[in-house]
Protein backbone atom coordinates (compact mmCIF):
# COMPACT_ATOMS: atom_id res chain seq x y z
CA UNK A 1 -9.71 164.34 152.33
CA UNK A 2 -6.35 162.38 153.76
CA UNK A 3 -7.81 159.59 152.89
CA UNK A 4 -8.60 160.77 149.06
CA UNK A 5 -5.28 161.53 149.46
CA UNK A 6 -3.49 158.54 150.51
CA UNK A 7 -4.95 156.64 147.89
CA UNK A 8 -4.16 158.67 145.72
CA UNK A 9 -0.80 158.35 146.30
CA UNK A 10 -1.59 154.77 146.77
CA UNK A 11 -2.69 154.40 143.10
CA UNK A 12 -0.25 156.33 141.81
CA UNK A 13 2.36 154.39 143.21
CA UNK A 14 1.04 151.03 142.02
CA UNK A 15 0.67 153.01 138.12
CA UNK A 16 4.62 153.65 138.46
CA UNK A 17 5.24 149.74 139.42
CA UNK A 18 3.07 149.13 137.05
CA UNK A 19 5.07 150.82 134.21
CA UNK A 20 8.13 149.82 135.93
CA UNK A 21 7.37 146.31 135.51
CA UNK A 22 6.49 147.34 131.83
CA UNK A 23 9.71 148.67 131.67
CA UNK A 24 12.09 146.41 132.73
CA UNK A 25 9.88 143.05 130.74
CA UNK A 26 10.56 145.47 127.58
CA UNK A 27 14.07 145.74 128.39
CA UNK A 28 14.77 142.20 129.37
CA UNK A 29 17.71 141.77 127.64
CA UNK A 30 18.92 145.38 128.59
CA UNK A 31 23.27 143.84 128.79
CA UNK A 32 22.86 141.09 126.23
CA UNK A 33 24.65 141.34 122.29
CA UNK A 34 23.43 138.94 119.52
CA UNK A 35 24.65 138.15 116.44
CA UNK A 36 22.47 137.65 113.17
CA UNK A 37 23.73 137.25 109.42
CA UNK A 38 20.81 137.26 106.29
CA UNK A 39 21.06 138.17 102.51
CA UNK A 40 18.64 140.45 101.11
CA UNK A 41 19.41 143.65 98.13
CA UNK A 42 19.27 147.36 100.10
CA UNK A 43 15.73 147.38 100.13
CA UNK A 44 15.56 144.47 102.46
CA UNK A 45 18.67 145.49 103.76
CA UNK A 46 17.75 149.05 104.86
CA UNK A 47 13.61 147.39 106.68
CA UNK A 48 15.67 144.76 107.82
CA UNK A 49 17.91 147.63 110.46
CA UNK A 50 14.95 149.21 110.99
CA UNK A 51 13.09 146.01 112.39
CA UNK A 52 17.01 145.48 114.56
CA UNK A 53 16.87 148.63 115.22
CA UNK A 54 13.26 148.61 117.20
CA UNK A 55 13.98 145.36 118.30
CA UNK A 56 17.47 146.81 120.43
CA UNK A 57 14.85 149.89 121.56
CA UNK A 58 12.25 147.78 122.55
CA UNK A 59 14.22 145.08 124.87
CA UNK A 60 17.81 146.23 125.14
CA UNK A 61 19.85 144.18 123.36
CA UNK A 62 22.37 145.24 120.96
CA UNK A 63 22.50 143.16 117.90
CA UNK A 64 25.67 142.89 114.85
CA UNK A 65 23.72 142.62 111.71
CA UNK A 66 26.05 140.66 108.85
CA UNK A 67 24.54 141.34 105.66
CA UNK A 68 25.84 139.40 102.77
CA UNK A 69 24.70 138.90 99.11
CA UNK A 70 27.51 137.58 96.93
CA UNK A 71 29.57 134.33 99.61
CA UNK A 72 27.23 134.19 102.63
CA UNK A 73 27.78 130.18 102.88
CA UNK A 74 31.33 130.34 102.40
CA UNK A 75 31.04 133.73 105.82
CA UNK A 76 28.66 131.59 107.63
CA UNK A 77 30.76 128.55 107.45
CA UNK A 78 34.04 129.97 108.04
CA UNK A 79 32.96 131.70 111.35
CA UNK A 80 31.07 129.24 113.13
CA UNK A 81 34.98 126.79 111.94
CA UNK A 82 36.73 130.36 113.07
CA UNK A 83 34.51 129.54 116.50
CA UNK A 84 33.14 133.54 115.99
CA UNK A 85 30.11 134.23 117.54
CA UNK A 86 27.12 133.97 115.25
CA UNK A 87 23.64 133.00 117.19
CA UNK A 88 21.05 133.36 115.06
CA UNK A 89 20.95 133.40 110.56
CA UNK A 90 19.05 132.80 107.48
CA UNK A 91 20.38 130.07 105.71
CA UNK A 92 19.71 128.26 102.77
CA UNK A 93 17.81 125.55 102.82
CA UNK A 94 19.69 123.76 99.41
CA UNK A 95 23.58 124.46 100.39
CA UNK A 96 24.10 125.23 104.08
CA UNK A 97 22.12 124.09 106.65
CA UNK A 98 20.51 120.72 106.13
CA UNK A 99 24.99 119.55 106.80
CA UNK A 100 25.27 121.77 109.52
CA UNK A 101 22.23 120.81 110.75
CA UNK A 102 23.33 117.05 110.59
CA UNK A 103 26.32 118.54 111.96
CA UNK A 104 24.19 119.08 114.75
CA UNK A 105 25.25 122.73 114.33
CA UNK A 106 21.64 124.45 114.64
CA UNK A 107 19.10 124.11 117.29
CA UNK A 108 15.46 121.79 117.27
CA UNK A 109 13.01 124.81 117.81
CA UNK A 110 9.79 122.61 118.48
CA UNK A 111 10.13 123.63 122.00
CA UNK A 112 10.58 128.07 121.52
CA UNK A 113 7.76 127.55 119.26
CA UNK A 114 5.53 125.96 122.43
CA UNK A 115 6.53 128.19 125.04
CA UNK A 116 6.01 130.84 123.06
CA UNK A 117 2.52 129.65 122.22
CA UNK A 118 2.06 129.41 118.76
CA UNK A 119 0.09 127.39 117.36
CA UNK A 120 1.17 126.02 114.25
CA UNK A 121 -2.06 125.07 112.60
CA UNK A 122 -2.35 128.72 112.12
CA UNK A 123 0.10 129.37 109.95
CA UNK A 124 0.72 127.80 106.34
CA UNK A 125 2.28 124.12 106.20
CA UNK A 126 4.83 124.63 103.68
CA UNK A 127 6.54 127.53 105.92
CA UNK A 128 9.02 125.18 108.47
CA UNK A 129 12.15 122.82 107.87
CA UNK A 130 11.93 119.90 109.91
CA UNK A 131 15.18 117.75 110.22
CA UNK A 132 15.65 113.92 109.02
CA UNK A 133 14.68 112.54 112.83
CA UNK A 134 11.26 115.71 112.59
CA UNK A 135 12.46 117.97 114.59
CA UNK A 136 11.75 121.73 113.75
CA UNK A 137 14.91 123.84 112.51
CA UNK A 138 13.54 126.73 111.15
CA UNK A 139 10.78 129.07 111.54
CA UNK A 140 9.53 131.57 109.87
CA UNK A 141 6.64 133.71 109.79
CA UNK A 142 7.69 134.77 105.60
CA UNK A 143 6.93 132.76 102.89
CA UNK A 144 7.27 133.14 99.08
CA UNK A 145 5.79 131.50 96.20
CA UNK A 146 6.03 131.07 92.23
CA UNK A 147 4.46 133.42 90.33
CA UNK A 148 3.16 134.33 86.80
CA UNK A 149 4.73 137.99 86.45
CA UNK A 150 3.29 140.03 83.02
CA UNK A 151 3.56 142.81 81.52
CA UNK A 152 0.27 144.97 81.24
CA UNK A 153 1.12 147.18 78.33
CA UNK A 154 2.95 144.10 76.36
CA UNK A 155 -0.87 142.35 76.73
CA UNK A 156 -2.92 145.01 75.96
CA UNK A 157 -1.11 146.08 72.72
CA UNK A 158 -1.81 142.46 72.29
CA UNK A 159 -5.07 142.44 72.37
CA UNK A 160 -5.14 140.03 74.69
CA UNK A 161 -6.76 138.88 78.18
CA UNK A 162 -4.22 139.04 81.48
CA UNK A 163 -3.76 135.56 82.61
CA UNK A 164 -7.06 134.47 84.54
CA UNK A 165 -6.04 135.46 88.59
CA UNK A 166 -8.15 132.31 89.86
CA UNK A 167 -5.75 129.04 90.42
CA UNK A 168 -8.82 127.39 89.35
CA UNK A 169 -8.77 128.89 86.12
CA UNK A 170 -5.29 129.18 85.53
CA UNK A 171 -4.01 128.65 81.77
CA UNK A 172 -3.33 125.18 81.33
CA UNK A 173 0.15 124.56 79.56
CA UNK A 174 -0.76 124.48 75.82
CA UNK A 175 -3.19 127.59 76.89
CA UNK A 176 -0.25 129.49 78.43
CA UNK A 177 1.99 128.58 75.37
CA UNK A 178 -0.28 129.22 72.71
CA UNK A 179 -0.85 133.18 74.37
CA UNK A 180 3.03 133.14 74.93
CA UNK A 181 3.89 132.66 70.84
CA UNK A 182 1.31 135.36 70.20
CA UNK A 183 3.05 137.51 72.52
CA UNK A 184 7.03 136.62 70.41
CA UNK A 185 8.24 138.64 67.70
CA UNK A 186 10.73 137.88 65.55
CA UNK A 187 12.75 141.96 64.44
CA UNK A 188 9.96 142.33 61.37
CA UNK A 189 7.07 141.34 63.42
CA UNK A 190 6.21 137.39 62.99
CA UNK A 191 5.37 135.33 66.33
CA UNK A 192 6.11 131.32 66.14
CA UNK A 193 2.69 130.80 64.34
CA UNK A 194 4.08 132.62 61.20
CA UNK A 195 5.77 130.94 58.17
CA UNK A 196 8.70 132.78 57.66
CA UNK A 197 9.85 133.56 61.76
CA UNK A 198 13.60 133.87 62.87
CA UNK A 199 14.16 132.18 65.34
CA UNK A 200 17.42 133.77 66.05
CA UNK A 201 16.31 137.46 65.96
CA UNK A 202 13.65 137.45 68.45
CA UNK A 203 12.93 140.80 69.40
CA UNK A 204 10.01 140.32 72.55
CA UNK A 205 9.92 137.03 73.60
CA UNK A 206 6.34 135.58 74.88
CA UNK A 207 8.16 134.67 78.28
CA UNK A 208 10.95 133.91 80.84
CA UNK A 209 10.71 131.00 82.92
CA UNK A 210 13.05 130.91 85.41
CA UNK A 211 15.53 127.72 85.28
CA UNK A 212 15.61 126.18 88.67
CA UNK A 213 14.19 123.68 90.77
CA UNK A 214 11.19 125.89 91.77
CA UNK A 215 10.16 126.31 88.94
CA UNK A 216 9.92 123.63 87.14
CA UNK A 217 9.87 121.39 89.55
CA UNK A 218 6.48 123.19 90.04
CA UNK A 219 4.96 122.06 86.94
CA UNK A 220 7.07 118.55 87.65
CA UNK A 221 4.45 117.78 91.20
CA UNK A 222 1.71 119.70 88.42
CA UNK A 223 1.81 116.74 86.25
CA UNK A 224 1.79 114.40 88.43
CA UNK A 225 5.96 113.82 89.18
CA UNK A 226 8.09 113.51 91.77
CA UNK A 227 11.81 114.31 92.52
CA UNK A 228 12.25 110.98 94.72
CA UNK A 229 9.47 108.71 95.03
CA UNK A 230 8.27 106.97 98.89
CA UNK A 231 11.01 105.15 98.35
CA UNK A 232 14.37 107.10 97.39
CA UNK A 233 14.08 106.39 94.48
CA UNK A 234 15.28 109.05 91.80
CA UNK A 235 12.08 110.05 90.03
CA UNK A 236 12.92 112.35 87.68
CA UNK A 237 13.20 109.93 85.43
CA UNK A 238 10.24 108.66 85.34
CA UNK A 239 7.15 109.63 83.04
CA UNK A 240 5.39 112.43 84.25
CA UNK A 241 8.19 114.02 85.34
CA UNK A 242 10.41 113.47 81.99
CA UNK A 243 7.11 115.30 80.16
CA UNK A 244 6.99 117.97 82.35
CA UNK A 245 11.00 119.18 82.20
CA UNK A 246 11.00 118.44 78.70
CA UNK A 247 8.24 120.63 77.54
CA UNK A 248 9.58 123.23 80.26
CA UNK A 249 12.64 123.35 78.30
CA UNK A 250 10.55 123.35 74.98
CA UNK A 251 9.26 126.91 75.41
CA UNK A 252 13.19 127.79 74.47
CA UNK A 253 14.68 125.18 71.90
CA UNK A 254 11.71 124.01 70.00
CA UNK A 255 8.60 126.66 71.11
CA UNK A 256 11.16 130.09 70.95
CA UNK A 257 8.84 131.99 73.26
CA UNK A 258 11.53 131.94 75.88
CA UNK A 259 15.28 133.09 75.62
CA UNK A 260 17.71 130.38 74.65
CA UNK A 261 21.21 129.78 76.47
CA UNK A 262 22.98 131.89 74.38
CA UNK A 263 20.40 135.10 73.79
CA UNK A 264 19.83 135.03 77.63
CA UNK A 265 23.76 136.34 78.07
CA UNK A 266 23.24 139.24 76.00
CA UNK A 267 19.42 140.88 77.60
CA UNK A 268 18.84 143.11 79.71
CA UNK A 269 18.11 142.68 83.77
CA UNK A 270 15.06 140.90 84.43
CA UNK A 271 13.01 143.76 85.76
CA UNK A 272 14.31 145.76 82.83
CA UNK A 273 12.86 143.36 80.60
CA UNK A 274 9.56 143.27 81.96
CA UNK A 275 9.41 147.27 81.50
CA UNK A 276 10.78 147.67 78.19
CA UNK A 277 8.47 144.01 77.06
CA UNK A 278 11.12 142.43 75.93
CA UNK A 279 9.23 139.90 78.31
CA UNK A 280 5.82 139.70 78.06
CA UNK A 281 5.82 137.37 81.44
CA UNK A 282 8.59 136.08 83.65
CA UNK A 283 7.66 133.05 85.90
CA UNK A 284 9.72 132.99 89.19
CA UNK A 285 9.73 134.16 93.34
CA UNK A 286 7.26 136.46 94.99
CA UNK A 287 9.08 138.41 95.88
CA UNK A 288 10.11 139.58 92.53
CA UNK A 289 7.05 142.29 93.11
CA UNK A 290 9.54 144.77 95.32
CA UNK A 291 11.79 144.46 92.46
CA UNK A 292 9.35 145.58 89.90
CA UNK A 293 7.40 147.21 91.76
CA UNK A 294 10.27 150.32 91.96
CA UNK A 295 11.05 149.77 88.69
CA UNK A 296 7.72 151.04 87.40
CA UNK A 297 6.94 148.25 85.77
CA UNK A 298 2.89 147.99 85.43
CA UNK A 299 2.60 144.42 85.72
CA UNK A 300 0.18 142.23 87.27
CA UNK A 301 0.37 138.84 89.24
CA UNK A 302 -1.23 135.45 88.33
CA UNK A 303 -1.48 131.74 89.25
CA UNK A 304 1.41 129.92 87.34
CA UNK A 305 0.01 127.74 84.63
CA UNK A 306 -0.69 124.33 85.28
CA UNK A 307 0.69 121.17 83.77
CA UNK A 308 -1.78 118.50 84.85
CA UNK A 309 -4.91 118.41 86.05
CA UNK A 310 -4.62 121.28 88.86
CA UNK A 311 -1.92 124.17 89.35
CA UNK A 312 1.41 123.54 91.89
CA UNK A 313 3.13 125.80 92.52
CA UNK A 314 6.60 125.37 95.58
CA UNK A 315 7.07 127.37 98.33
CA UNK A 316 10.67 129.10 99.35
CA UNK A 317 12.04 130.58 102.43
CA UNK A 318 14.98 131.76 103.74
CA UNK A 319 15.52 129.12 107.61
CA UNK A 320 15.68 131.25 110.50
CA UNK A 321 17.90 129.03 112.87
CA UNK A 322 19.79 129.42 115.36
CA UNK A 323 23.22 127.94 116.97
CA UNK A 324 23.91 125.29 118.85
CA UNK A 325 27.04 127.15 120.09
CA UNK A 326 24.98 130.14 121.13
CA UNK A 327 24.77 131.68 124.72
CA UNK A 328 22.53 134.32 123.50
CA UNK A 329 19.82 131.21 122.37
CA UNK A 330 16.40 132.60 124.15
CA UNK A 331 17.35 136.64 122.91
CA UNK A 332 17.93 134.80 119.19
CA UNK A 333 14.69 133.46 119.16
CA UNK A 334 13.18 136.99 120.17
CA UNK A 335 15.03 138.78 117.65
CA UNK A 336 13.69 135.75 114.76
CA UNK A 337 10.15 136.12 116.19
CA UNK A 338 10.37 139.81 115.93
CA UNK A 339 11.86 139.90 112.32
CA UNK A 340 9.40 137.41 111.64
CA UNK A 341 6.46 138.89 112.52
CA UNK A 342 3.89 140.90 110.59
CA UNK A 343 1.97 142.14 114.00
CA UNK A 344 5.55 144.01 114.63
CA UNK A 345 6.61 145.15 111.19
CA UNK A 346 5.40 145.05 108.07
CA UNK A 347 7.88 146.76 105.69
CA UNK A 348 9.16 144.03 104.06
CA UNK A 349 5.42 142.52 103.70
CA UNK A 350 3.56 145.64 102.12
CA UNK A 351 6.84 146.12 99.89
CA UNK A 352 6.82 143.21 98.21
CA UNK A 353 9.30 141.35 99.44
CA UNK A 354 7.32 138.43 101.46
CA UNK A 355 3.87 136.88 102.31
CA UNK A 356 2.84 136.03 105.41
CA UNK A 357 2.76 132.23 106.71
CA UNK A 358 -0.12 133.93 109.14
CA UNK A 359 -3.41 132.35 107.90
CA UNK A 360 -5.38 135.19 109.75
CA UNK A 361 -2.71 137.51 108.13
CA UNK A 362 -3.70 136.35 104.31
CA UNK A 363 -7.50 136.19 105.36
CA UNK A 364 -8.77 138.78 107.54
CA UNK A 365 -9.52 141.04 106.08
CA UNK A 366 -8.96 144.04 108.37
CA UNK A 367 -5.34 142.04 108.66
CA UNK A 368 -4.72 142.34 104.59
CA UNK A 369 -5.88 146.11 103.84
CA UNK A 370 -2.76 146.49 106.12
CA UNK A 371 0.35 145.09 103.79
CA UNK A 372 -1.57 144.44 100.83
CA UNK A 373 -4.55 147.55 100.51
CA UNK A 374 -5.50 149.99 97.50
CA UNK A 375 -3.29 151.60 95.44
CA UNK A 376 -0.22 149.39 96.06
CA UNK A 377 2.10 148.88 93.34
CA UNK A 378 4.07 145.96 94.82
CA UNK A 379 -0.23 143.96 95.62
CA UNK A 380 -1.38 144.92 92.15
CA UNK A 381 -5.48 143.83 91.48
CA UNK A 382 -5.59 140.35 91.42
CA UNK A 383 -3.42 139.64 93.93
CA UNK A 384 -6.24 137.44 96.02
CA UNK A 385 -4.55 134.53 93.30
CA UNK A 386 -1.49 135.00 94.93
CA UNK A 387 -3.24 134.18 98.41
CA UNK A 388 -5.49 131.70 97.40
CA UNK A 389 -2.54 129.58 95.26
CA UNK A 390 -0.53 129.87 98.39
CA UNK A 391 -3.01 128.47 101.10
CA UNK A 392 -5.01 125.71 98.69
CA UNK A 393 -2.46 124.76 95.62
CA UNK A 394 1.60 125.60 97.25
CA UNK A 395 4.00 122.54 98.28
CA UNK A 396 6.75 122.73 100.75
CA UNK A 397 10.51 123.56 99.59
CA UNK A 398 11.86 120.79 97.94
CA UNK A 399 15.30 121.43 99.48
CA UNK A 400 13.10 120.79 102.66
CA UNK A 401 11.53 117.12 101.74
CA UNK A 402 14.27 115.67 100.51
CA UNK A 403 17.60 113.85 102.17
CA UNK A 404 20.62 114.01 99.72
CA UNK A 405 19.59 117.60 98.16
CA UNK A 406 22.07 119.54 97.89
CA UNK A 407 24.11 116.34 95.93
CA UNK A 408 21.40 115.26 94.25
CA UNK A 409 20.75 119.13 92.43
CA UNK A 410 24.11 119.72 91.52
CA UNK A 411 23.72 116.90 89.47
CA UNK A 412 20.29 117.40 87.87
CA UNK A 413 21.21 121.24 87.33
CA UNK A 414 24.21 120.29 85.15
CA UNK A 415 21.93 117.71 82.99
CA UNK A 416 19.42 120.39 82.48
CA UNK A 417 22.03 122.69 81.51
CA UNK A 418 23.19 120.12 78.82
CA UNK A 419 19.51 119.80 77.78
CA UNK A 420 18.78 123.82 76.70
CA UNK A 421 22.44 123.89 75.23
CA UNK A 422 20.40 120.96 72.56
CA UNK A 423 23.10 118.52 73.79
CA UNK A 424 20.20 115.79 74.85
CA UNK A 425 16.74 115.33 75.61
CA UNK A 426 15.59 115.48 79.20
CA UNK A 427 15.38 111.62 79.32
CA UNK A 428 18.53 111.30 77.97
CA UNK A 429 19.87 113.78 80.83
CA UNK A 430 17.46 112.74 83.77
CA UNK A 431 19.29 108.84 83.22
CA UNK A 432 22.30 109.72 83.42
CA UNK A 433 21.99 112.11 86.60
CA UNK A 434 19.76 108.40 88.00
CA UNK A 435 22.58 106.47 86.83
CA UNK A 436 25.71 109.39 88.67
CA UNK A 437 23.72 109.02 91.67
CA UNK A 438 24.07 104.99 92.12
CA UNK A 439 27.58 104.86 90.89
CA UNK A 440 28.37 108.09 92.89
CA UNK A 441 26.28 106.03 96.63
CA UNK A 442 24.42 109.27 96.73
CA UNK A 443 21.68 108.40 99.18
CA UNK A 444 17.88 109.69 99.23
CA UNK A 445 15.43 109.97 101.19
CA UNK A 446 12.38 111.98 101.77
CA UNK A 447 11.77 113.34 105.59
CA UNK A 448 8.96 112.75 106.90
CA UNK A 449 7.90 116.28 108.10
CA UNK A 450 8.54 117.48 104.43
CA UNK A 451 5.95 115.62 103.04
CA UNK A 452 3.71 116.02 105.38
CA UNK A 453 3.92 119.78 105.36
CA UNK A 454 3.76 119.62 101.16
CA UNK A 455 0.34 117.72 101.02
CA UNK A 456 -1.69 120.78 99.53
CA UNK A 457 -4.55 119.42 101.36
CA UNK A 458 -3.19 119.78 104.61
CA UNK A 459 -2.85 123.38 103.98
CA UNK A 460 -5.70 123.21 102.70
CA UNK A 461 -8.03 121.79 105.15
CA UNK A 462 -6.01 124.35 107.87
CA UNK A 463 -7.28 127.36 105.70
CA UNK A 464 -10.78 126.46 106.07
CA UNK A 465 -10.47 126.02 109.40
CA UNK A 466 -8.99 128.77 110.17
CA UNK A 467 -11.72 130.63 108.35
């Protein structure tokens, strides 16, 4: 009996010791504090705060969360310049992140990824960002890409079939424009196909395409064009790119199926416009599913049209980076993992804001059920086509591929605006950009690691291996 009691006592002590060790491990950042900065609307901010609170509880680390949606780059630049504590942050790849990386302000994360046992072949290839030397400067467990959103009620009223859900069956550009024309109406109910159509008095537009690089860039790549070629030359003035960009702009200028620059100024916000049927379709980032679901839009999602033989949808994602000046780099890395792992917190994935980069979370039925599920308004029927597009028909963010991006895109955006105002053709505008780049001495090029991540085939092979 004494022996039994002794054994039970030993077992109890071992059990208590095990729990103590677990508790000690769970609180490994007790007494530490870090500062994390990011952006996001009310829903994203609330979900991020909840995830941070859970991280604090689990690790004992105190986190100061800075959420800024108006002048984020200015805020971060000022904090860094002033030497204020800033351990990790979401950074915009097209503006602030790469200049900071070139100044040595960001920590390469390759060793952290390796030490954490993360196998990048298990993730969508386009999810990470690399510096000019091929070092990973951002790791993210979430990603976005460009999608076609549509109002089911508008399609039903017109008796038109919904867009194909499989990327293999995606509309050709001509098919897309034809549907857009059928769904565009002036105040008298006439379409662009009808005689007497009033392009100055349109009450319902077939589509509202986002006029920014992931959208028009997707069509350029689909058409076989490029932004910068392998030799570092500006390539948007070459035939394939010019053709794609002109067709894109002609949605507003010639086809009259998308709002002109002037008309856009008087139209409601995108969620309201899609809800009320002012727009029959919208082409923009996947994260809009959260906004549309919260607005109560009866919407569907589909792959974007293809300009060439195959759909290409460009990805975007915030860069989760650690600052070289941080004295809490390891704790910052743990927080980044906490905010990016759907296994820890699913809120921002199931509410429509994000997609996982983990191929397991994109392909495993039990994991899909956790963030896509049935009767989820943010993940409408046919959403499997969006996942297919991400795995097999996506390209890495252009901002991570192209050296000299910030200076180049400033010129490109201004030129596209001139085209949309009807002041010049795309060819004239892009030839002008090429001349401006040369005159300004802007050096362009391709980052090797970023270019490799951009290969759609690589992502497809990875997914195939995972399956």
